[in-house]
PDB file of N, CA and C in Angstrom:
ATOM      1  N   MET A   1      15.151 -11.297   2.612  1.00  0.00           N
ATOM      2  CA  MET A   1      14.051 -12.131   2.181  1.00  0.00           C
ATOM      3  C   MET A   1      12.866 -12.005   3.136  1.00  0.00           C
ATOM      4  N   GLN A   2      13.141 -11.752   4.396  1.00  0.00           N
ATOM      5  CA  GLN A   2      12.074 -11.635   5.386  1.00  0.00           C
ATOM      6  C   GLN A   2      11.168 -10.457   5.074  1.00  0.00           C
ATOM      7  N   GLY A   3      11.718  -9.380   4.547  1.00  0.00           N
ATOM      8  CA  GLY A   3      10.929  -8.215   4.178  1.00  0.00           C
ATOM      9  C   GLY A   3       9.967  -8.511   3.043  1.00  0.00           C
ATOM     10  N   TYR A   4      10.401  -9.340   2.106  1.00  0.00           N
ATOM     11  CA  TYR A   4       9.519  -9.723   1.003  1.00  0.00           C
ATOM     12  C   TYR A   4       8.369 -10.590   1.486  1.00  0.00           C
ATOM     13  N   ALA A   5       8.646 -11.497   2.397  1.00  0.00           N
ATOM     14  CA  ALA A   5       7.594 -12.365   2.925  1.00  0.00           C
ATOM     15  C   ALA A   5       6.556 -11.549   3.690  1.00  0.00           C
ATOM     16  N   THR A   6       7.002 -10.586   4.458  1.00  0.00           N
ATOM     17  CA  THR A   6       6.084  -9.726   5.197  1.00  0.00           C
ATOM     18  C   THR A   6       5.246  -8.892   4.246  1.00  0.00           C
ATOM     19  N   SER A   7       5.874  -8.342   3.229  1.00  0.00           N
ATOM     20  CA  SER A   7       5.146  -7.543   2.243  1.00  0.00           C
ATOM     21  C   SER A   7       4.140  -8.390   1.480  1.00  0.00           C
ATOM     22  N   PHE A   8       4.536  -9.602   1.118  1.00  0.00           N
ATOM     23  CA  PHE A   8       3.617 -10.495   0.424  1.00  0.00           C
ATOM     24  C   PHE A   8       2.430 -10.853   1.315  1.00  0.00           C
ATOM     25  N   GLY A   9       2.698 -11.165   2.570  1.00  0.00           N
ATOM     26  CA  GLY A   9       1.617 -11.504   3.500  1.00  0.00           C
ATOM     27  C   GLY A   9       0.653 -10.349   3.703  1.00  0.00           C
ATOM     28  N   LEU A  10       1.174  -9.165   3.834  1.00  0.00           N
ATOM     29  CA  LEU A  10       0.320  -7.987   4.009  1.00  0.00           C
ATOM     30  C   LEU A  10      -0.509  -7.724   2.754  1.00  0.00           C
ATOM     31  N   GLY A  11       0.090  -7.877   1.587  1.00  0.00           N
ATOM     32  CA  GLY A  11      -0.657  -7.711   0.340  1.00  0.00           C
ATOM     33  C   GLY A  11      -1.719  -8.777   0.163  1.00  0.00           C
ATOM     34  N   PHE A  12      -1.422  -9.986   0.569  1.00  0.00           N
ATOM     35  CA  PHE A  12      -2.397 -11.078   0.484  1.00  0.00           C
ATOM     36  C   PHE A  12      -3.592 -10.810   1.381  1.00  0.00           C
ATOM     37  N   VAL A  13      -3.329 -10.372   2.603  1.00  0.00           N
ATOM     38  CA  VAL A  13      -4.416 -10.060   3.545  1.00  0.00           C
ATOM     39  C   VAL A  13      -5.215  -8.859   3.046  1.00  0.00           C
ATOM     40  N   ALA A  14      -4.549  -7.865   2.486  1.00  0.00           N
ATOM     41  CA  ALA A  14      -5.243  -6.676   1.989  1.00  0.00           C
ATOM     42  C   ALA A  14      -6.157  -7.012   0.824  1.00  0.00           C
ATOM     43  N   GLY A  15      -5.809  -8.027   0.064  1.00  0.00           N
ATOM     44  CA  GLY A  15      -6.664  -8.441  -1.028  1.00  0.00           C
ATOM     45  C   GLY A  15      -7.924  -9.128  -0.556  1.00  0.00           C
ATOM     46  N   MET A  16      -7.869  -9.744   0.614  1.00  0.00           N
ATOM     47  CA  MET A  16      -9.044 -10.447   1.132  1.00  0.00           C
ATOM     48  C   MET A  16      -9.918  -9.539   1.990  1.00  0.00           C
ATOM     49  N   ARG A  17      -9.324  -8.854   2.907  1.00  0.00           N
ATOM     50  CA  ARG A  17     -10.047  -7.985   3.837  1.00  0.00           C
ATOM     51  C   ARG A  17      -9.316  -6.656   3.923  1.00  0.00           C
ATOM     52  N   ASN A  18     -10.015  -5.585   3.686  1.00  0.00           N
ATOM     53  CA  ASN A  18      -9.405  -4.265   3.618  1.00  0.00           C
ATOM     54  C   ASN A  18      -8.918  -3.781   4.982  1.00  0.00           C
ATOM     55  N   MET A  19      -9.732  -3.877   6.007  1.00  0.00           N
ATOM     56  CA  MET A  19      -9.374  -3.323   7.312  1.00  0.00           C
ATOM     57  C   MET A  19      -8.377  -4.191   8.079  1.00  0.00           C
ATOM     58  N   THR A  20      -8.252  -5.456   7.711  1.00  0.00           N
ATOM     59  CA  THR A  20      -7.300  -6.329   8.403  1.00  0.00           C
ATOM     60  C   THR A  20      -5.868  -5.871   8.144  1.00  0.00           C
ATOM     61  N   ALA A  21      -5.587  -5.456   6.927  1.00  0.00           N
ATOM     62  CA  ALA A  21      -4.247  -4.953   6.618  1.00  0.00           C
ATOM     63  C   ALA A  21      -3.964  -3.655   7.372  1.00  0.00           C
ATOM     64  N   CYS A  22      -4.970  -2.798   7.481  1.00  0.00           N
ATOM     65  CA  CYS A  22      -4.799  -1.559   8.249  1.00  0.00           C
ATOM     66  C   CYS A  22      -4.510  -1.872   9.716  1.00  0.00           C
ATOM     67  N   ALA A  23      -5.202  -2.846  10.258  1.00  0.00           N
ATOM     68  CA  ALA A  23      -4.977  -3.235  11.652  1.00  0.00           C
ATOM     69  C   ALA A  23      -3.574  -3.805  11.834  1.00  0.00           C
ATOM     70  N   ALA A  24      -3.128  -4.623  10.895  1.00  0.00           N
ATOM     71  CA  ALA A  24      -1.783  -5.194  10.984  1.00  0.00           C
ATOM     72  C   ALA A  24      -0.721  -4.101  10.933  1.00  0.00           C
ATOM     73  N   LEU A  25      -0.899  -3.126  10.051  1.00  0.00           N
ATOM     74  CA  LEU A  25       0.057  -2.014   9.985  1.00  0.00           C
ATOM     75  C   LEU A  25       0.045  -1.177  11.255  1.00  0.00           C
ATOM     76  N   ALA A  26      -1.135  -0.944  11.818  1.00  0.00           N
ATOM     77  CA  ALA A  26      -1.222  -0.150  13.041  1.00  0.00           C
ATOM     78  C   ALA A  26      -0.533  -0.869  14.204  1.00  0.00           C
ATOM     79  N   TRP A  27      -0.717  -2.193  14.291  1.00  0.00           N
ATOM     80  CA  TRP A  27      -0.036  -2.940  15.363  1.00  0.00           C
ATOM     81  C   TRP A  27       1.482  -2.927  15.161  1.00  0.00           C
ATOM     82  N   ALA A  28       1.936  -3.095  13.925  1.00  0.00           N
ATOM     83  CA  ALA A  28       3.378  -3.066  13.659  1.00  0.00           C
ATOM     84  C   ALA A  28       3.964  -1.692  13.973  1.00  0.00           C
ATOM     85  N   ALA A  29       3.238  -0.623  13.638  1.00  0.00           N
ATOM     86  CA  ALA A  29       3.728   0.727  13.924  1.00  0.00           C
ATOM     87  C   ALA A  29       3.765   0.992  15.423  1.00  0.00           C
ATOM     88  N   SER A  30       2.784   0.469  16.151  1.00  0.00           N
ATOM     89  CA  SER A  30       2.773   0.708  17.595  1.00  0.00           C
ATOM     90  C   SER A  30       3.910  -0.033  18.300  1.00  0.00           C
ATOM     91  N   GLU A  31       4.409  -1.097  17.671  1.00  0.00           N
ATOM     92  CA  GLU A  31       5.538  -1.844  18.224  1.00  0.00           C
ATOM     93  C   GLU A  31       6.877  -1.354  17.668  1.00  0.00           C
ATOM     94  N   GLY A  32       6.838  -0.352  16.800  1.00  0.00           N
ATOM     95  CA  GLY A  32       8.066   0.220  16.251  1.00  0.00           C
ATOM     96  C   GLY A  32       8.697  -0.604  15.150  1.00  0.00           C
ATOM     97  N   ARG A  33       7.934  -1.407  14.452  1.00  0.00           N
ATOM     98  CA  ARG A  33       8.486  -2.277  13.423  1.00  0.00           C
ATOM     99  C   ARG A  33       8.290  -1.738  12.014  1.00  0.00           C
ATOM    100  N   THR A  34       7.927  -0.468  11.871  1.00  0.00           N
ATOM    101  CA  THR A  34       7.778   0.131  10.543  1.00  0.00           C
ATOM    102  C   THR A  34       8.829   1.217  10.357  1.00  0.00           C
ATOM    103  N   ARG A  35       9.100   1.537   9.115  1.00  0.00           N
ATOM    104  CA  ARG A  35      10.092   2.563   8.808  1.00  0.00           C
ATOM    105  C   ARG A  35       9.463   3.900   8.499  1.00  0.00           C
ATOM    106  N   ASP A  36       8.151   3.958   8.412  1.00  0.00           N
ATOM    107  CA  ASP A  36       7.463   5.172   7.996  1.00  0.00           C
ATOM    108  C   ASP A  36       6.770   5.824   9.189  1.00  0.00           C
ATOM    109  N   ASN A  37       6.864   7.142   9.282  1.00  0.00           N
ATOM    110  CA  ASN A  37       6.224   7.862  10.374  1.00  0.00           C
ATOM    111  C   ASN A  37       4.804   8.296  10.044  1.00  0.00           C
ATOM    112  N   LEU A  38       4.324   7.982   8.842  1.00  0.00           N
ATOM    113  CA  LEU A  38       2.983   8.393   8.441  1.00  0.00           C
ATOM    114  C   LEU A  38       1.896   7.437   8.922  1.00  0.00           C
ATOM    115  N   ILE A  39       2.268   6.268   9.400  1.00  0.00           N
ATOM    116  CA  ILE A  39       1.295   5.298   9.907  1.00  0.00           C
ATOM    117  C   ILE A  39       0.989   5.650  11.355  1.00  0.00           C
ATOM    118  N   PRO A  40      -0.285   5.797  11.715  1.00  0.00           N
ATOM    119  CA  PRO A  40      -0.630   6.141  13.100  1.00  0.00           C
ATOM    120  C   PRO A  40      -0.119   5.072  14.073  1.00  0.00           C
ATOM    121  N   ALA A  41       0.632   5.510  15.078  1.00  0.00           N
ATOM    122  CA  ALA A  41       1.236   4.571  16.014  1.00  0.00           C
ATOM    123  C   ALA A  41       0.827   4.865  17.450  1.00  0.00           C
ATOM    124  N   GLY A  42      -0.198   5.662  17.649  1.00  0.00           N
ATOM    125  CA  GLY A  42      -0.641   5.977  18.998  1.00  0.00           C
ATOM    126  C   GLY A  42      -1.283   4.779  19.676  1.00  0.00           C
ATOM    127  N   PRO A  43      -1.600   4.919  20.951  1.00  0.00           N
ATOM    128  CA  PRO A  43      -2.160   3.775  21.676  1.00  0.00           C
ATOM    129  C   PRO A  43      -3.558   3.383  21.219  1.00  0.00           C
ATOM    130  N   GLY A  44      -4.320   4.298  20.643  1.00  0.00           N
ATOM    131  CA  GLY A  44      -5.677   3.977  20.228  1.00  0.00           C
ATOM    132  C   GLY A  44      -5.789   3.450  18.810  1.00  0.00           C
ATOM    133  N   ALA A  45      -4.791   3.697  17.977  1.00  0.00           N
ATOM    134  CA  ALA A  45      -4.862   3.303  16.565  1.00  0.00           C
ATOM    135  C   ALA A  45      -4.992   1.797  16.372  1.00  0.00           C
ATOM    136  N   PRO A  46      -4.182   0.976  17.042  1.00  0.00           N
ATOM    137  CA  PRO A  46      -4.342  -0.465  16.827  1.00  0.00           C
ATOM    138  C   PRO A  46      -5.689  -0.996  17.323  1.00  0.00           C
ATOM    139  N   ILE A  47      -6.166  -0.448  18.411  1.00  0.00           N
ATOM    140  CA  ILE A  47      -7.430  -0.915  18.973  1.00  0.00           C
ATOM    141  C   ILE A  47      -8.593  -0.534  18.066  1.00  0.00           C
ATOM    142  N   LEU A  48      -8.600   0.701  17.578  1.00  0.00           N
ATOM    143  CA  LEU A  48      -9.669   1.140  16.681  1.00  0.00           C
ATOM    144  C   LEU A  48      -9.640   0.385  15.357  1.00  0.00           C
ATOM    145  N   SER A  49      -8.472   0.190  14.798  1.00  0.00           N
ATOM    146  CA  SER A  49      -8.397  -0.506  13.523  1.00  0.00           C
ATOM    147  C   SER A  49      -8.734  -1.991  13.672  1.00  0.00           C
ATOM    148  N   THR A  50      -8.391  -2.587  14.800  1.00  0.00           N
ATOM    149  CA  THR A  50      -8.771  -3.977  15.044  1.00  0.00           C
ATOM    150  C   THR A  50     -10.281  -4.092  15.196  1.00  0.00           C
ATOM    151  N   GLY A  51     -10.891  -3.131  15.886  1.00  0.00           N
ATOM    152  CA  GLY A  51     -12.342  -3.123  16.002  1.00  0.00           C
ATOM    153  C   GLY A  51     -13.012  -2.983  14.653  1.00  0.00           C
ATOM    154  N   ALA A  52     -12.466  -2.135  13.784  1.00  0.00           N
ATOM    155  CA  ALA A  52     -13.022  -1.968  12.439  1.00  0.00           C
ATOM    156  C   ALA A  52     -12.863  -3.240  11.621  1.00  0.00           C
ATOM    157  N   ALA A  53     -11.741  -3.932  11.781  1.00  0.00           N
ATOM    158  CA  ALA A  53     -11.526  -5.181  11.056  1.00  0.00           C
ATOM    159  C   ALA A  53     -12.504  -6.258  11.524  1.00  0.00           C
ATOM    160  N   ILE A  54     -12.742  -6.327  12.812  1.00  0.00           N
ATOM    161  CA  ILE A  54     -13.689  -7.307  13.341  1.00  0.00           C
ATOM    162  C   ILE A  54     -15.103  -6.979  12.863  1.00  0.00           C
ATOM    163  N   ALA A  55     -15.449  -5.700  12.871  1.00  0.00           N
ATOM    164  CA  ALA A  55     -16.776  -5.290  12.394  1.00  0.00           C
ATOM    165  C   ALA A  55     -16.945  -5.610  10.907  1.00  0.00           C
ATOM    166  N   GLU A  56     -15.871  -5.440  10.120  1.00  0.00           N
ATOM    167  CA  GLU A  56     -15.945  -5.771   8.698  1.00  0.00           C
ATOM    168  C   GLU A  56     -16.174  -7.262   8.504  1.00  0.00           C
ATOM    169  N   MET A  57     -15.469  -8.071   9.269  1.00  0.00           N
ATOM    170  CA  MET A  57     -15.621  -9.523   9.146  1.00  0.00           C
ATOM    171  C   MET A  57     -17.017  -9.959   9.612  1.00  0.00           C
ATOM    172  N   ALA A  58     -17.520  -9.365  10.663  1.00  0.00           N
ATOM    173  CA  ALA A  58     -18.845  -9.727  11.166  1.00  0.00           C
ATOM    174  C   ALA A  58     -19.936  -9.250  10.215  1.00  0.00           C
ATOM    175  N   GLY A  59     -19.725  -8.114   9.573  1.00  0.00           N
ATOM    176  CA  GLY A  59     -20.708  -7.578   8.652  1.00  0.00           C
ATOM    177  C   GLY A  59     -20.858  -8.367   7.381  1.00  0.00           C
ATOM    178  N   ASP A  60     -19.791  -9.058   7.010  1.00  0.00           N
ATOM    179  CA  ASP A  60     -19.864  -9.872   5.786  1.00  0.00           C
ATOM    180  C   ASP A  60     -20.496 -11.192   6.128  1.00  0.00           C
TER     181      ASP A  60
END
């Protein structure tokens, strides 16, 4: 059930703000909490995606 709640939360956030979901996925991948190797998990990915999410929120 926990997987469904996480998926629902991520989908809800993605519907409101596009880059926020990308930032959440990048942080989860950098902490090793994803099952897919296609999500960028390097040290710069979470920081860059968080910056893009903040810029998106500030721009609106």
